[in-house]
Amino acid sequence: MMTKDLQSYLGQIVRIVIDRPLGSRHPRDPELWYPLNYGYVPGTTSGAGAPIDAYLLGVYAPVAEAEGRVIAVIRRADDVEDKLVVASPGAGYTADQIAALVAFQERFFASRVILAHPERARLLAAVHVFLVRDGQVLLLRRYGTGYEDGNYSVPAGHLDGGEPVRAAAMREVAEEAGVRLALEDLAVVGVMHRRAADERVDFFLAASRWTGTIRNCEPHKCDELAWYPLDRLPPNVIPYVRRALANYQQGAWFDSFGWEQEE
């Protein structure tokens, strides 16, 4: 049988018959306990030929039936039965909240949440600075941060908000490498739309002139600050940074990273 696309139900008011009420256990697997009401929508047909199953959110006592609005679909990549998520009209849940509430059962499947009204994307923004001289780039080896420790990056950091990209880059270089950059000496050379644990937009900037002496200003976060040839980078450069450096050398201004499986 084939999975039936349930997205046409998004936003609809449906009635659910609850056959596995809150506090009950799965009829064939008594170790599976239901922390919410779970049932089916009568008069419908799922990909397996049975009525479409539905999770009921926001009702904190066992009930025999309920009516509500379909706020999401649980799409299972490894099963023929997707599920509906139903809540009282006006109730709001994020995709992460829904995923957490249904994880008691969905953890056994490769599933994702499709919202009736998708949340606006929240992207983290960061700046990365290539300080370049004589065909070399300044790299720092991360240390004691909990992220990519032991691997190389470049001076970088998040935008604090309320500051232009080039101003953020100037701030990060001063904080990490102890030199001052002039606005006119700093060029934006690349942008990357990146997916990691979250979704990000990275700005890459380059400069070949600065004022002051480069030094490691954050030894608690960096245990090496050194020059490396652009064409002979160490093997343990963080992958997206390596890609960005290659793009810089090739003149490629925009790239996506971490989305390869969906492209």
Protein backbone atom coordinates (compact mmCIF):
# COMPACT_ATOMS: atom_id res chain seq x y z
CA MET A 1 0.00 0.00 0.00
CA MET A 2 1.07 3.61 -0.53
CA THR A 3 1.15 6.45 1.97
CA LYS A 4 -1.87 8.71 1.63
CA ASP A 5 -1.14 12.45 1.62
CA LEU A 6 -3.04 13.93 4.55
CA GLN A 7 -2.13 17.58 4.06
CA SER A 8 -5.58 18.34 2.63
CA TYR A 9 -6.88 17.87 6.20
CA LEU A 10 -4.76 20.74 7.55
CA GLY A 11 -7.00 23.43 9.02
CA GLN A 12 -10.15 21.29 8.91
CA ILE A 13 -12.42 20.63 11.89
CA VAL A 14 -12.69 16.88 12.51
CA ARG A 15 -14.27 14.55 15.04
CA ILE A 16 -12.04 11.96 16.70
CA VAL A 17 -13.15 8.70 18.29
CA ILE A 18 -10.66 8.01 21.08
CA ASP A 19 -9.82 4.31 21.29
CA ARG A 20 -6.57 4.80 23.24
CA PRO A 21 -7.36 7.38 25.91
CA LEU A 22 -4.80 9.24 27.97
CA GLY A 23 -3.28 6.87 30.52
CA SER A 24 -4.06 3.70 28.58
CA ARG A 25 -1.59 1.21 27.15
CA HIS A 26 -1.14 -0.15 23.65
CA PRO A 27 -3.27 -3.29 23.20
CA ARG A 28 -0.36 -5.28 21.75
CA ASP A 29 2.55 -3.61 23.54
CA PRO A 30 1.72 -2.93 27.20
CA GLU A 31 5.02 -1.09 27.65
CA LEU A 32 3.74 1.70 25.38
CA TRP A 33 1.77 4.12 27.56
CA TYR A 34 -0.31 6.94 26.08
CA PRO A 35 0.39 10.35 27.70
CA LEU A 36 -2.34 11.92 25.55
CA ASN A 37 -5.59 10.90 23.89
CA TYR A 38 -5.17 9.02 20.62
CA GLY A 39 -7.83 7.82 18.25
CA TYR A 40 -9.13 7.93 14.70
CA VAL A 41 -11.28 10.03 12.41
CA PRO A 42 -14.36 7.98 11.43
CA GLY A 43 -15.32 7.86 7.78
CA THR A 44 -11.75 8.33 6.55
CA THR A 45 -9.23 5.93 5.04
CA SER A 46 -5.49 5.86 5.70
CA GLY A 47 -2.74 4.41 3.55
CA ALA A 48 -3.22 1.07 5.35
CA GLY A 49 -6.94 1.02 4.60
CA ALA A 50 -8.05 1.73 8.18
CA PRO A 51 -9.41 5.07 9.46
CA ILE A 52 -6.85 7.83 9.83
CA ASP A 53 -5.30 7.99 13.29
CA ALA A 54 -5.01 11.27 15.19
CA TYR A 55 -3.25 12.65 18.24
CA LEU A 56 -5.37 14.97 20.39
CA LEU A 57 -3.48 17.81 22.10
CA GLY A 58 -4.58 20.09 24.91
CA VAL A 59 -7.08 17.73 26.55
CA TYR A 60 -5.66 16.61 29.88
CA ALA A 61 -8.17 13.93 30.87
CA PRO A 62 -9.28 10.70 29.17
CA VAL A 63 -12.16 11.28 26.74
CA ALA A 64 -14.23 9.04 24.49
CA GLU A 65 -14.38 11.47 21.59
CA ALA A 66 -13.48 15.03 20.74
CA GLU A 67 -13.71 17.66 18.05
CA GLY A 68 -10.91 19.96 17.01
CA ARG A 69 -8.89 21.51 14.22
CA VAL A 70 -6.14 19.63 12.39
CA ILE A 71 -3.02 21.68 13.16
CA ALA A 72 -0.38 19.32 11.78
CA VAL A 73 0.35 16.11 9.95
CA ILE A 74 2.94 13.61 11.14
CA ARG A 75 4.69 12.44 7.98
CA ARG A 76 6.33 9.02 8.35
CA ALA A 77 9.03 8.25 5.83
CA ASP A 78 9.14 4.57 6.78
CA ASP A 79 5.45 3.71 7.15
CA VAL A 80 2.29 3.80 5.01
CA GLU A 81 0.27 5.56 7.71
CA ASP A 82 0.76 9.25 8.41
CA LYS A 83 -1.05 10.73 11.41
CA LEU A 84 -3.10 13.84 12.11
CA VAL A 85 -2.53 16.17 15.05
CA VAL A 86 -5.73 17.80 16.35
CA ALA A 87 -6.19 20.57 18.92
CA SER A 88 -8.90 22.97 20.06
CA PRO A 89 -9.53 25.82 17.60
CA GLY A 90 -7.15 28.66 18.41
CA ALA A 91 -4.61 26.49 20.20
CA GLY A 92 -1.06 27.00 19.00
CA TYR A 93 1.89 24.62 19.05
CA THR A 94 5.28 24.83 17.39
CA ALA A 95 6.67 21.95 15.35
CA ASP A 96 9.17 21.22 18.14
CA GLN A 97 6.43 21.14 20.77
CA ILE A 98 4.33 18.75 18.71
CA ALA A 99 7.33 16.52 18.03
CA ALA A 100 8.04 16.33 21.77
CA LEU A 101 4.42 15.52 22.66
CA VAL A 102 4.12 12.67 20.15
CA ALA A 103 7.65 11.31 20.61
CA PHE A 104 6.38 8.54 22.91
CA GLN A 105 5.22 6.76 19.73
CA GLU A 106 6.89 8.59 16.84
CA ARG A 107 10.36 7.82 18.17
CA PHE A 108 9.96 4.41 16.56
CA PHE A 109 9.56 5.98 13.10
CA ALA A 110 11.38 8.40 10.82
CA SER A 111 8.77 11.11 11.17
CA ARG A 112 8.53 14.87 10.82
CA VAL A 113 5.89 17.49 11.63
CA ILE A 114 4.13 19.41 8.86
CA LEU A 115 2.29 22.42 10.27
CA ALA A 116 -0.98 23.85 8.99
CA HIS A 117 0.57 27.30 9.23
CA PRO A 118 4.33 26.86 8.99
CA GLU A 119 6.42 28.87 11.39
CA ARG A 120 8.50 31.59 9.87
CA ALA A 121 12.08 30.45 9.52
CA ARG A 122 14.37 31.60 12.28
CA LEU A 123 17.88 31.90 10.95
CA LEU A 124 20.98 32.57 12.99
CA ALA A 125 23.41 34.94 11.31
CA ALA A 126 27.18 34.92 11.71
CA VAL A 127 30.23 36.61 10.22
CA HIS A 128 33.53 34.93 9.29
CA VAL A 129 36.64 36.89 8.36
CA PHE A 130 39.43 35.77 6.05
CA LEU A 131 42.58 37.69 6.95
CA VAL A 132 44.81 37.09 3.94
CA ARG A 133 48.47 37.82 3.19
CA ASP A 134 50.89 36.37 0.60
CA GLY A 135 48.52 33.55 -0.35
CA GLN A 136 47.96 32.55 3.27
CA VAL A 137 44.93 32.80 5.53
CA LEU A 138 44.82 33.19 9.31
CA LEU A 139 43.29 30.14 10.99
CA LEU A 140 42.46 29.57 14.63
CA ARG A 141 42.15 26.18 16.28
CA ARG A 142 39.12 25.95 18.53
CA TYR A 143 39.65 24.91 22.12
CA GLY A 144 37.43 24.46 25.17
CA THR A 145 34.25 25.71 23.49
CA GLY A 146 32.28 22.48 23.15
CA TYR A 147 31.93 23.03 19.39
CA GLU A 148 34.43 21.63 16.86
CA ASP A 149 37.24 21.77 19.42
CA GLY A 150 40.57 20.75 17.88
CA ASN A 151 39.49 21.88 14.41
CA TYR A 152 40.37 25.04 12.53
CA SER A 153 38.14 27.96 11.69
CA VAL A 154 38.66 31.67 11.04
CA PRO A 155 37.80 34.64 13.27
CA ALA A 156 34.02 34.49 13.47
CA GLY A 157 30.98 35.15 15.61
CA HIS A 158 27.26 35.79 15.68
CA LEU A 159 25.72 39.10 14.78
CA ASP A 160 24.63 40.71 18.02
CA GLY A 161 21.71 42.47 16.36
CA GLY A 162 21.48 46.12 15.50
CA GLU A 163 24.85 46.15 13.76
CA PRO A 164 25.83 45.96 10.07
CA VAL A 165 27.64 42.86 8.82
CA ARG A 166 30.95 44.63 8.28
CA ALA A 167 30.79 46.25 11.71
CA ALA A 168 30.24 42.80 13.27
CA ALA A 169 33.25 41.46 11.36
CA MET A 170 35.43 44.33 12.59
CA ARG A 171 34.32 43.65 16.16
CA GLU A 172 35.02 39.91 15.97
CA VAL A 173 38.52 40.39 14.52
CA ALA A 174 39.38 42.89 17.24
CA GLU A 175 38.05 40.56 19.95
CA GLU A 176 39.79 37.42 18.66
CA ALA A 177 42.93 38.58 16.84
CA GLY A 178 43.60 41.97 18.37
CA VAL A 179 43.77 44.03 15.17
CA ARG A 180 41.65 46.83 13.79
CA LEU A 181 40.11 46.76 10.34
CA ALA A 182 39.02 49.78 8.35
CA LEU A 183 35.58 49.60 6.82
CA GLU A 184 36.93 50.30 3.33
CA ASP A 185 39.42 47.41 3.61
CA LEU A 186 36.78 44.81 4.39
CA ALA A 187 34.89 43.18 1.51
CA VAL A 188 31.97 40.74 1.64
CA VAL A 189 33.16 37.80 -0.48
CA GLY A 190 30.52 35.16 0.15
CA VAL A 191 27.22 34.14 1.68
CA MET A 192 26.26 30.60 2.71
CA HIS A 193 22.81 29.27 3.60
CA ARG A 194 23.70 26.46 5.97
CA ARG A 195 21.83 23.75 7.80
CA ALA A 196 23.46 22.28 10.89
CA ALA A 197 21.61 21.61 14.15
CA ASP A 198 19.76 24.78 13.20
CA GLU A 199 19.42 26.94 10.11
CA ARG A 200 21.99 29.67 9.50
CA VAL A 201 23.14 32.36 7.14
CA ASP A 202 26.91 32.88 7.18
CA PHE A 203 28.59 35.99 5.80
CA PHE A 204 32.24 35.69 4.73
CA LEU A 205 34.45 38.76 4.50
CA ALA A 206 38.08 39.23 3.50
CA ALA A 207 40.75 41.77 4.33
CA SER A 208 44.44 42.05 3.48
CA ARG A 209 45.17 45.20 5.49
CA TRP A 210 44.78 45.91 9.20
CA THR A 211 46.27 47.92 12.02
CA GLY A 212 48.08 46.33 14.95
CA THR A 213 49.80 43.01 15.65
CA ILE A 214 47.85 39.78 15.35
CA ARG A 215 47.75 37.89 18.63
CA ASN A 216 45.59 35.28 20.32
CA CYS A 217 43.22 37.34 22.44
CA GLU A 218 41.07 34.41 23.55
CA PRO A 219 43.42 31.58 24.65
CA HIS A 220 40.53 30.02 26.57
CA LYS A 221 38.75 29.46 23.23
CA CYS A 222 41.69 29.08 20.83
CA ASP A 223 44.96 27.19 21.36
CA GLU A 224 46.59 28.13 18.03
CA LEU A 225 46.45 31.17 15.78
CA ALA A 226 48.58 30.66 12.66
CA TRP A 227 48.98 31.32 8.94
CA TYR A 228 48.32 28.51 6.44
CA PRO A 229 48.59 28.49 2.63
CA LEU A 230 45.19 28.73 1.00
CA ASP A 231 46.11 25.84 -1.29
CA ARG A 232 47.44 23.63 1.54
CA LEU A 233 44.99 23.92 4.40
CA PRO A 234 45.26 21.50 7.33
CA PRO A 235 42.95 18.48 7.05
CA ASN A 236 40.93 19.41 10.12
CA VAL A 237 39.43 22.68 8.92
CA ILE A 238 35.72 22.72 9.79
CA PRO A 239 34.00 21.48 6.58
CA TYR A 240 31.77 24.47 5.85
CA VAL A 241 34.70 26.85 6.46
CA ARG A 242 36.85 24.82 4.06
CA ARG A 243 34.06 25.06 1.48
CA ALA A 244 33.80 28.82 1.99
CA LEU A 245 37.55 29.26 1.54
CA ALA A 246 37.41 27.26 -1.69
CA ASN A 247 34.50 29.40 -2.87
CA TYR A 248 36.52 32.53 -2.08
CA GLN A 249 39.43 31.33 -4.20
CA GLN A 250 37.07 30.41 -7.06
CA GLY A 251 35.08 33.64 -6.89
CA ALA A 252 31.84 31.83 -5.97
CA TRP A 253 29.78 34.32 -3.98
CA PHE A 254 26.82 32.16 -2.82
CA ASP A 255 26.56 28.56 -1.66
CA SER A 256 24.33 26.17 0.32
CA PHE A 257 25.77 23.69 2.79
CA GLY A 258 24.19 20.85 4.74
CA TRP A 259 21.18 20.54 2.41
CA GLU A 260 22.78 18.06 0.02
CA GLN A 261 20.45 15.16 0.88
CA GLU A 262 17.40 17.24 -0.11
CA GLU A 263 18.83 18.79 -3.28
